[in-house]
Amino acid sequence: MTLAKRSMDAIAALEEFSREQPQVEIQTIERMIGAMYVREIIIPKGATITGRVYKRTYVDIMLSGDITVTDSNGTYRLEGFNCLEGTSGRKRAGYAHEETRWLTVHDSVDLKTNIPIDDLSFETIPEYLEYSSKCSNESFERFLVDNDLSALTVLGESKYEPYEPIESDYYLDDSLINGTGVFTSKPYRAGEVIGPMVRDDKKTQLGRYVNHSDYPNAIQYQGDMVAVRCIDSGKEITTNYNLSERLLK
């Protein structure tokens, strides 16, 4: 079992346990500033909290405090001021050693109701995965129509011919988007090279099995797959076939 899977199982168990415990009120301050939705929470000292799973990347700012956080990348402690990249599809849990003030800043394009947090996020990862899979499949269908291609052409030629497996920090697993996908075994930063698409004139796992997404976390650039935003450990690597160089070469 991967670190990411162990961490997510532990957070799910914590949430289940916490539902039966006395609840702590988390003070929340919401603001609309131009095209941004800004959400601030104040976590009391001694409180344990789990977070929402956001649809899109956002700005994640710890204003002050002292908190231990667990997510798919492991467990770490944050103190004072920290400015982070909030990653879509991430579930976190935290324990506040001191009162902690946390701010998130979101693009308001998805806001449709008077409860912005429900438009922007889900309670659970399975809800997020279902949403993400649906959006990616719809986007893939549009890609086929726009480029006058068939799924058989794209998936057949790209997926099922022999490929060159290489040792790497990613692995193949079942994908909710389509068949087999490529998943990370470590986190990647935006701009970091994940690996080559081709080696010894054969496609690698990245060249063969990276699925299409309407909201990709990587793009093909000069023969490599490169992260375009932070990718947590255990997440599927995705690209947008319309934005990448054509995979079928």
C-alpha atoms as a PDB file:
ATOM      1  CA  MET A   1       0.000   0.000   0.000  1.00  0.00           C
ATOM      2  CA  THR A   2       1.381   3.428  -0.965  1.00  0.00           C
ATOM      3  CA  LEU A   3       1.947   6.292   1.471  1.00  0.00           C
ATOM      4  CA  ALA A   4      -0.827   8.245  -0.244  1.00  0.00           C
ATOM      5  CA  LYS A   5      -3.324   5.386   0.202  1.00  0.00           C
ATOM      6  CA  ARG A   6      -2.354   4.880   3.861  1.00  0.00           C
ATOM      7  CA  SER A   7      -2.728   8.601   4.552  1.00  0.00           C
ATOM      8  CA  MET A   8      -6.134   8.815   2.878  1.00  0.00           C
ATOM      9  CA  ASP A   9      -7.380   5.727   4.737  1.00  0.00           C
ATOM     10  CA  ALA A  10      -6.204   7.256   8.025  1.00  0.00           C
ATOM     11  CA  ILE A  11      -7.992  10.552   7.306  1.00  0.00           C
ATOM     12  CA  ALA A  12     -11.208   8.712   6.376  1.00  0.00           C
ATOM     13  CA  ALA A  13     -11.015   6.745   9.645  1.00  0.00           C
ATOM     14  CA  LEU A  14     -10.408   9.965  11.592  1.00  0.00           C
ATOM     15  CA  GLU A  15     -13.465  11.589  10.029  1.00  0.00           C
ATOM     16  CA  GLU A  16     -15.632   8.586  10.863  1.00  0.00           C
ATOM     17  CA  PHE A  17     -14.432   8.641  14.485  1.00  0.00           C
ATOM     18  CA  SER A  18     -14.794  12.426  14.783  1.00  0.00           C
ATOM     19  CA  ARG A  19     -18.459  12.402  13.775  1.00  0.00           C
ATOM     20  CA  GLU A  20     -19.242  10.695  17.086  1.00  0.00           C
ATOM     21  CA  GLN A  21     -17.250  13.198  19.164  1.00  0.00           C
ATOM     22  CA  PRO A  22     -18.192  16.666  20.545  1.00  0.00           C
ATOM     23  CA  GLN A  23     -17.914  19.186  17.722  1.00  0.00           C
ATOM     24  CA  VAL A  24     -15.897  22.404  17.812  1.00  0.00           C
ATOM     25  CA  GLU A  25     -17.250  25.501  16.079  1.00  0.00           C
ATOM     26  CA  ILE A  26     -14.831  26.781  13.458  1.00  0.00           C
ATOM     27  CA  GLN A  27     -15.205  30.516  12.922  1.00  0.00           C
ATOM     28  CA  THR A  28     -15.471  31.245   9.200  1.00  0.00           C
ATOM     29  CA  ILE A  29     -15.149  34.614   7.435  1.00  0.00           C
ATOM     30  CA  GLU A  30     -16.125  34.817   3.745  1.00  0.00           C
ATOM     31  CA  ARG A  31     -15.414  37.647   1.315  1.00  0.00           C
ATOM     32  CA  MET A  32     -15.957  38.294  -2.387  1.00  0.00           C
ATOM     33  CA  ILE A  33     -13.112  40.452  -3.764  1.00  0.00           C
ATOM     34  CA  GLY A  34     -13.502  41.089  -7.487  1.00  0.00           C
ATOM     35  CA  ALA A  35     -13.477  37.691  -9.191  1.00  0.00           C
ATOM     36  CA  MET A  36     -12.107  35.969  -6.082  1.00  0.00           C
ATOM     37  CA  TYR A  37     -13.836  34.136  -3.273  1.00  0.00           C
ATOM     38  CA  VAL A  38     -11.796  34.398  -0.068  1.00  0.00           C
ATOM     39  CA  ARG A  39     -12.483  32.039   2.831  1.00  0.00           C
ATOM     40  CA  GLU A  40     -10.807  32.431   6.224  1.00  0.00           C
ATOM     41  CA  ILE A  41     -11.128  29.965   9.094  1.00  0.00           C
ATOM     42  CA  ILE A  42      -9.909  30.211  12.686  1.00  0.00           C
ATOM     43  CA  ILE A  43      -8.979  26.822  14.171  1.00  0.00           C
ATOM     44  CA  PRO A  44      -8.976  26.811  18.003  1.00  0.00           C
ATOM     45  CA  LYS A  45      -5.998  25.443  19.917  1.00  0.00           C
ATOM     46  CA  GLY A  46      -6.385  21.706  20.519  1.00  0.00           C
ATOM     47  CA  ALA A  47      -8.892  21.191  17.691  1.00  0.00           C
ATOM     48  CA  THR A  48      -8.631  18.420  15.115  1.00  0.00           C
ATOM     49  CA  ILE A  49     -10.051  19.331  11.707  1.00  0.00           C
ATOM     50  CA  THR A  50     -10.463  17.725   8.287  1.00  0.00           C
ATOM     51  CA  GLY A  51     -10.730  19.728   5.090  1.00  0.00           C
ATOM     52  CA  ARG A  52     -12.847  19.842   1.970  1.00  0.00           C
ATOM     53  CA  VAL A  53     -11.706  18.410  -1.385  1.00  0.00           C
ATOM     54  CA  TYR A  54     -11.455  21.276  -3.878  1.00  0.00           C
ATOM     55  CA  LYS A  55     -12.244  20.990  -7.575  1.00  0.00           C
ATOM     56  CA  ARG A  56      -9.547  23.413  -8.719  1.00  0.00           C
ATOM     57  CA  THR A  57      -6.136  24.631  -7.599  1.00  0.00           C
ATOM     58  CA  TYR A  58      -6.302  27.627  -5.274  1.00  0.00           C
ATOM     59  CA  VAL A  59      -4.109  29.907  -3.149  1.00  0.00           C
ATOM     60  CA  ASP A  60      -3.562  28.406   0.308  1.00  0.00           C
ATOM     61  CA  ILE A  61      -2.292  30.780   3.041  1.00  0.00           C
ATOM     62  CA  MET A  62      -1.616  29.992   6.678  1.00  0.00           C
ATOM     63  CA  LEU A  63      -1.670  33.422   8.306  1.00  0.00           C
ATOM     64  CA  SER A  64      -0.502  32.396  11.776  1.00  0.00           C
ATOM     65  CA  GLY A  65      -0.464  29.555  14.271  1.00  0.00           C
ATOM     66  CA  ASP A  66       1.039  26.101  14.728  1.00  0.00           C
ATOM     67  CA  ILE A  67      -0.551  23.022  13.166  1.00  0.00           C
ATOM     68  CA  THR A  68       0.366  19.468  12.196  1.00  0.00           C
ATOM     69  CA  VAL A  69      -1.088  18.478   8.821  1.00  0.00           C
ATOM     70  CA  THR A  70      -1.554  15.073   7.185  1.00  0.00           C
ATOM     71  CA  ASP A  71      -2.300  14.664   3.473  1.00  0.00           C
ATOM     72  CA  SER A  72      -1.368  12.220   0.705  1.00  0.00           C
ATOM     73  CA  ASN A  73       2.253  13.435   0.863  1.00  0.00           C
ATOM     74  CA  GLY A  74       2.633  12.501   4.547  1.00  0.00           C
ATOM     75  CA  THR A  75       2.585  14.390   7.854  1.00  0.00           C
ATOM     76  CA  TYR A  76       4.322  17.712   8.481  1.00  0.00           C
ATOM     77  CA  ARG A  77       4.162  20.647  10.902  1.00  0.00           C
ATOM     78  CA  LEU A  78       3.608  24.267   9.874  1.00  0.00           C
ATOM     79  CA  GLU A  79       4.241  27.316  12.066  1.00  0.00           C
ATOM     80  CA  GLY A  80       3.717  31.029  11.529  1.00  0.00           C
ATOM     81  CA  PHE A  81       3.096  32.331   8.004  1.00  0.00           C
ATOM     82  CA  ASN A  82       3.075  29.944   5.023  1.00  0.00           C
ATOM     83  CA  CYS A  83       1.933  30.531   1.435  1.00  0.00           C
ATOM     84  CA  LEU A  84       1.218  27.269  -0.391  1.00  0.00           C
ATOM     85  CA  GLU A  85      -0.356  25.994  -3.593  1.00  0.00           C
ATOM     86  CA  GLY A  86      -3.710  24.431  -2.752  1.00  0.00           C
ATOM     87  CA  THR A  87      -4.021  21.294  -4.865  1.00  0.00           C
ATOM     88  CA  SER A  88      -7.265  20.053  -6.365  1.00  0.00           C
ATOM     89  CA  GLY A  89      -8.391  16.620  -5.186  1.00  0.00           C
ATOM     90  CA  ARG A  90      -6.472  16.905  -1.904  1.00  0.00           C
ATOM     91  CA  LYS A  91      -7.929  15.805   1.431  1.00  0.00           C
ATOM     92  CA  ARG A  92      -6.204  16.985   4.617  1.00  0.00           C
ATOM     93  CA  ALA A  93      -6.452  16.609   8.360  1.00  0.00           C
ATOM     94  CA  GLY A  94      -4.859  18.879  10.930  1.00  0.00           C
ATOM     95  CA  TYR A  95      -4.269  19.230  14.661  1.00  0.00           C
ATOM     96  CA  ALA A  96      -3.835  22.816  15.953  1.00  0.00           C
ATOM     97  CA  HIS A  97      -1.116  23.112  18.604  1.00  0.00           C
ATOM     98  CA  GLU A  98      -2.006  26.820  18.834  1.00  0.00           C
ATOM     99  CA  GLU A  99      -4.888  28.883  17.432  1.00  0.00           C
ATOM    100  CA  THR A 100      -4.368  28.849  13.668  1.00  0.00           C
ATOM    101  CA  ARG A 101      -5.780  31.237  11.067  1.00  0.00           C
ATOM    102  CA  TRP A 102      -6.051  29.846   7.537  1.00  0.00           C
ATOM    103  CA  LEU A 103      -7.030  31.635   4.331  1.00  0.00           C
ATOM    104  CA  THR A 104      -7.918  30.189   0.921  1.00  0.00           C
ATOM    105  CA  VAL A 105      -8.424  32.221  -2.257  1.00  0.00           C
ATOM    106  CA  HIS A 106     -10.475  30.786  -5.130  1.00  0.00           C
ATOM    107  CA  ASP A 107     -11.439  31.799  -8.651  1.00  0.00           C
ATOM    108  CA  SER A 108     -15.177  32.486  -8.456  1.00  0.00           C
ATOM    109  CA  VAL A 109     -15.963  31.114 -11.952  1.00  0.00           C
ATOM    110  CA  ASP A 110     -17.651  28.009 -10.496  1.00  0.00           C
ATOM    111  CA  LEU A 111     -19.863  29.890  -8.046  1.00  0.00           C
ATOM    112  CA  LYS A 112     -23.566  29.340  -8.749  1.00  0.00           C
ATOM    113  CA  THR A 113     -25.266  29.386  -5.342  1.00  0.00           C
ATOM    114  CA  ASN A 114     -25.282  31.312  -2.094  1.00  0.00           C
ATOM    115  CA  ILE A 115     -23.089  28.623  -0.512  1.00  0.00           C
ATOM    116  CA  PRO A 116     -19.802  29.003  -2.434  1.00  0.00           C
ATOM    117  CA  ILE A 117     -18.002  26.193  -0.626  1.00  0.00           C
ATOM    118  CA  ASP A 118     -20.448  23.638  -2.082  1.00  0.00           C
ATOM    119  CA  ASP A 119     -19.782  24.898  -5.618  1.00  0.00           C
ATOM    120  CA  LEU A 120     -16.017  24.759  -5.171  1.00  0.00           C
ATOM    121  CA  SER A 121     -15.503  21.521  -3.290  1.00  0.00           C
ATOM    122  CA  PHE A 122     -16.733  18.163  -2.020  1.00  0.00           C
ATOM    123  CA  GLU A 123     -16.762  16.463   1.356  1.00  0.00           C
ATOM    124  CA  THR A 124     -15.053  13.292   0.112  1.00  0.00           C
ATOM    125  CA  ILE A 125     -12.460  12.180  -2.429  1.00  0.00           C
ATOM    126  CA  PRO A 126     -14.841   9.677  -4.146  1.00  0.00           C
ATOM    127  CA  GLU A 127     -17.207  12.599  -4.900  1.00  0.00           C
ATOM    128  CA  TYR A 128     -14.311  14.555  -6.376  1.00  0.00           C
ATOM    129  CA  LEU A 129     -13.105  11.581  -8.443  1.00  0.00           C
ATOM    130  CA  GLU A 130     -16.578  11.042  -9.904  1.00  0.00           C
ATOM    131  CA  TYR A 131     -16.793  14.734 -10.846  1.00  0.00           C
ATOM    132  CA  SER A 132     -13.265  14.805 -12.287  1.00  0.00           C
ATOM    133  CA  SER A 133     -13.835  11.644 -14.332  1.00  0.00           C
ATOM    134  CA  LYS A 134     -17.084  13.011 -15.779  1.00  0.00           C
ATOM    135  CA  CYS A 135     -15.461  16.329 -16.770  1.00  0.00           C
ATOM    136  CA  SER A 136     -12.450  14.596 -18.336  1.00  0.00           C
ATOM    137  CA  ASN A 137     -14.571  12.168 -20.356  1.00  0.00           C
ATOM    138  CA  GLU A 138     -16.727  15.008 -21.673  1.00  0.00           C
ATOM    139  CA  SER A 139     -13.594  16.977 -22.581  1.00  0.00           C
ATOM    140  CA  PHE A 140     -12.113  13.929 -24.365  1.00  0.00           C
ATOM    141  CA  GLU A 141     -15.284  13.571 -26.469  1.00  0.00           C
ATOM    142  CA  ARG A 142     -14.970  17.243 -27.470  1.00  0.00           C
ATOM    143  CA  PHE A 143     -11.313  16.658 -28.382  1.00  0.00           C
ATOM    144  CA  LEU A 144     -12.296  13.790 -30.698  1.00  0.00           C
ATOM    145  CA  VAL A 145     -14.991  15.868 -32.419  1.00  0.00           C
ATOM    146  CA  ASP A 146     -12.803  18.968 -32.762  1.00  0.00           C
ATOM    147  CA  ASN A 147      -9.970  16.946 -34.335  1.00  0.00           C
ATOM    148  CA  ASP A 148     -12.148  14.555 -36.379  1.00  0.00           C
ATOM    149  CA  LEU A 149     -10.685  11.523 -34.588  1.00  0.00           C
ATOM    150  CA  SER A 150     -12.128   8.317 -33.205  1.00  0.00           C
ATOM    151  CA  ALA A 151     -11.479   6.929 -29.725  1.00  0.00           C
ATOM    152  CA  LEU A 152     -10.165   3.757 -31.373  1.00  0.00           C
ATOM    153  CA  THR A 153      -7.535   5.778 -33.244  1.00  0.00           C
ATOM    154  CA  VAL A 154      -6.366   7.654 -30.165  1.00  0.00           C
ATOM    155  CA  LEU A 155      -6.598   4.928 -27.544  1.00  0.00           C
ATOM    156  CA  GLY A 156      -5.788   2.006 -29.817  1.00  0.00           C
ATOM    157  CA  GLU A 157      -2.598   3.360 -31.339  1.00  0.00           C
ATOM    158  CA  SER A 158      -1.521   5.180 -28.199  1.00  0.00           C
ATOM    159  CA  LYS A 159      -2.244   2.539 -25.574  1.00  0.00           C
ATOM    160  CA  TYR A 160      -1.816  -0.993 -26.794  1.00  0.00           C
ATOM    161  CA  GLU A 161       1.401  -1.227 -28.793  1.00  0.00           C
ATOM    162  CA  PRO A 162       4.536  -2.332 -26.871  1.00  0.00           C
ATOM    163  CA  TYR A 163       6.153   0.299 -24.700  1.00  0.00           C
ATOM    164  CA  GLU A 164       9.466   0.758 -22.880  1.00  0.00           C
ATOM    165  CA  PRO A 165       8.964   0.504 -19.072  1.00  0.00           C
ATOM    166  CA  ILE A 166      11.456   2.596 -17.117  1.00  0.00           C
ATOM    167  CA  GLU A 167      12.197   2.916 -13.418  1.00  0.00           C
ATOM    168  CA  SER A 168      10.559   6.068 -12.196  1.00  0.00           C
ATOM    169  CA  ASP A 169       8.582   7.855  -9.492  1.00  0.00           C
ATOM    170  CA  TYR A 170       5.266   6.925 -11.118  1.00  0.00           C
ATOM    171  CA  TYR A 171       3.373   3.695 -11.719  1.00  0.00           C
ATOM    172  CA  LEU A 172       0.485   2.250 -13.725  1.00  0.00           C
ATOM    173  CA  ASP A 173      -2.906   1.631 -12.121  1.00  0.00           C
ATOM    174  CA  ASP A 174      -6.611   1.551 -12.957  1.00  0.00           C
ATOM    175  CA  SER A 175      -7.904   4.977 -13.972  1.00  0.00           C
ATOM    176  CA  LEU A 176     -11.372   6.409 -13.441  1.00  0.00           C
ATOM    177  CA  ILE A 177     -10.864   8.435 -16.620  1.00  0.00           C
ATOM    178  CA  ASN A 178     -10.058   5.569 -18.987  1.00  0.00           C
ATOM    179  CA  GLY A 179      -8.634   2.085 -18.514  1.00  0.00           C
ATOM    180  CA  THR A 180      -5.054   2.360 -17.293  1.00  0.00           C
ATOM    181  CA  GLY A 181      -3.468   5.590 -16.086  1.00  0.00           C
ATOM    182  CA  VAL A 182      -0.142   6.826 -14.711  1.00  0.00           C
ATOM    183  CA  PHE A 183       0.015   7.720 -11.005  1.00  0.00           C
ATOM    184  CA  THR A 184       2.685   9.467  -8.945  1.00  0.00           C
ATOM    185  CA  SER A 185       4.575   7.820  -6.109  1.00  0.00           C
ATOM    186  CA  LYS A 186       5.992  11.175  -4.955  1.00  0.00           C
ATOM    187  CA  PRO A 187       4.824  14.799  -5.140  1.00  0.00           C
ATOM    188  CA  TYR A 188       5.872  17.036  -8.049  1.00  0.00           C
ATOM    189  CA  ARG A 189       6.181  20.817  -8.130  1.00  0.00           C
ATOM    190  CA  ALA A 190       4.934  22.990 -10.979  1.00  0.00           C
ATOM    191  CA  GLY A 191       7.638  23.099 -13.675  1.00  0.00           C
ATOM    192  CA  GLU A 192       9.292  19.863 -12.558  1.00  0.00           C
ATOM    193  CA  VAL A 193      10.066  17.288 -15.250  1.00  0.00           C
ATOM    194  CA  ILE A 194       8.230  14.044 -14.503  1.00  0.00           C
ATOM    195  CA  GLY A 195       9.967  11.957 -17.154  1.00  0.00           C
ATOM    196  CA  PRO A 196      10.489  11.285 -20.865  1.00  0.00           C
ATOM    197  CA  MET A 197       7.677  10.371 -23.255  1.00  0.00           C
ATOM    198  CA  VAL A 198       9.999   8.277 -25.454  1.00  0.00           C
ATOM    199  CA  ARG A 199      13.143   6.261 -24.776  1.00  0.00           C
ATOM    200  CA  ASP A 200      15.099   4.180 -27.314  1.00  0.00           C
ATOM    201  CA  ASP A 201      12.483   5.000 -29.981  1.00  0.00           C
ATOM    202  CA  LYS A 202       9.709   3.495 -27.840  1.00  0.00           C
ATOM    203  CA  LYS A 203       7.109   5.306 -25.806  1.00  0.00           C
ATOM    204  CA  THR A 204       7.472   5.095 -22.028  1.00  0.00           C
ATOM    205  CA  GLN A 205       4.608   4.718 -19.550  1.00  0.00           C
ATOM    206  CA  LEU A 206       4.118   8.483 -19.819  1.00  0.00           C
ATOM    207  CA  GLY A 207       3.952   8.370 -23.591  1.00  0.00           C
ATOM    208  CA  ARG A 208       1.507   5.490 -23.609  1.00  0.00           C
ATOM    209  CA  TYR A 209      -0.817   5.736 -20.630  1.00  0.00           C
ATOM    210  CA  VAL A 210      -1.268   9.394 -19.608  1.00  0.00           C
ATOM    211  CA  ASN A 211      -4.990  10.145 -19.893  1.00  0.00           C
ATOM    212  CA  HIS A 212      -6.722  13.270 -21.134  1.00  0.00           C
ATOM    213  CA  SER A 213      -8.230  15.776 -18.695  1.00  0.00           C
ATOM    214  CA  ASP A 214     -10.081  19.057 -19.013  1.00  0.00           C
ATOM    215  CA  TYR A 215      -8.001  20.285 -16.047  1.00  0.00           C
ATOM    216  CA  PRO A 216      -4.576  18.672 -16.581  1.00  0.00           C
ATOM    217  CA  ASN A 217      -1.720  18.688 -14.106  1.00  0.00           C
ATOM    218  CA  ALA A 218       0.997  18.067 -16.736  1.00  0.00           C
ATOM    219  CA  ILE A 219       1.823  18.825 -20.356  1.00  0.00           C
ATOM    220  CA  GLN A 220       4.158  17.360 -22.967  1.00  0.00           C
ATOM    221  CA  TYR A 221       7.081  19.691 -23.600  1.00  0.00           C
ATOM    222  CA  GLN A 222      10.138  18.922 -25.771  1.00  0.00           C
ATOM    223  CA  GLY A 223       9.658  15.186 -25.369  1.00  0.00           C
ATOM    224  CA  ASP A 224       9.137  15.236 -21.593  1.00  0.00           C
ATOM    225  CA  MET A 225       6.026  15.246 -19.423  1.00  0.00           C
ATOM    226  CA  VAL A 226       6.246  18.339 -17.207  1.00  0.00           C
ATOM    227  CA  ALA A 227       4.064  19.242 -14.209  1.00  0.00           C
ATOM    228  CA  VAL A 228       2.110  22.468 -14.750  1.00  0.00           C
ATOM    229  CA  ARG A 229       0.878  22.580 -11.161  1.00  0.00           C
ATOM    230  CA  CYS A 230       1.621  20.738  -7.942  1.00  0.00           C
ATOM    231  CA  ILE A 231       0.778  17.028  -8.093  1.00  0.00           C
ATOM    232  CA  ASP A 232       0.359  15.179  -4.816  1.00  0.00           C
ATOM    233  CA  SER A 233       1.658  11.671  -4.253  1.00  0.00           C
ATOM    234  CA  GLY A 234      -0.807   9.035  -5.425  1.00  0.00           C
ATOM    235  CA  LYS A 235      -2.544  11.299  -7.970  1.00  0.00           C
ATOM    236  CA  GLU A 236      -3.096  10.426 -11.611  1.00  0.00           C
ATOM    237  CA  ILE A 237      -0.917  12.345 -14.064  1.00  0.00           C
ATOM    238  CA  THR A 238      -3.117  13.897 -16.754  1.00  0.00           C
ATOM    239  CA  THR A 239      -2.634  16.092 -19.787  1.00  0.00           C
ATOM    240  CA  ASN A 240      -4.858  17.887 -22.270  1.00  0.00           C
ATOM    241  CA  TYR A 241      -4.360  16.422 -25.738  1.00  0.00           C
ATOM    242  CA  ASN A 242      -5.376  19.741 -27.306  1.00  0.00           C
ATOM    243  CA  LEU A 243      -2.635  21.585 -25.425  1.00  0.00           C
ATOM    244  CA  SER A 244       0.104  18.959 -25.675  1.00  0.00           C
ATOM    245  CA  GLU A 245       2.052  18.010 -28.733  1.00  0.00           C
ATOM    246  CA  ARG A 246       0.161  15.174 -30.422  1.00  0.00           C
ATOM    247  CA  LEU A 247       0.768  11.911 -28.563  1.00  0.00           C
ATOM    248  CA  LEU A 248       0.268   9.841 -31.702  1.00  0.00           C
ATOM    249  CA  LYS A 249       3.590  10.051 -33.510  1.00  0.00           C
END
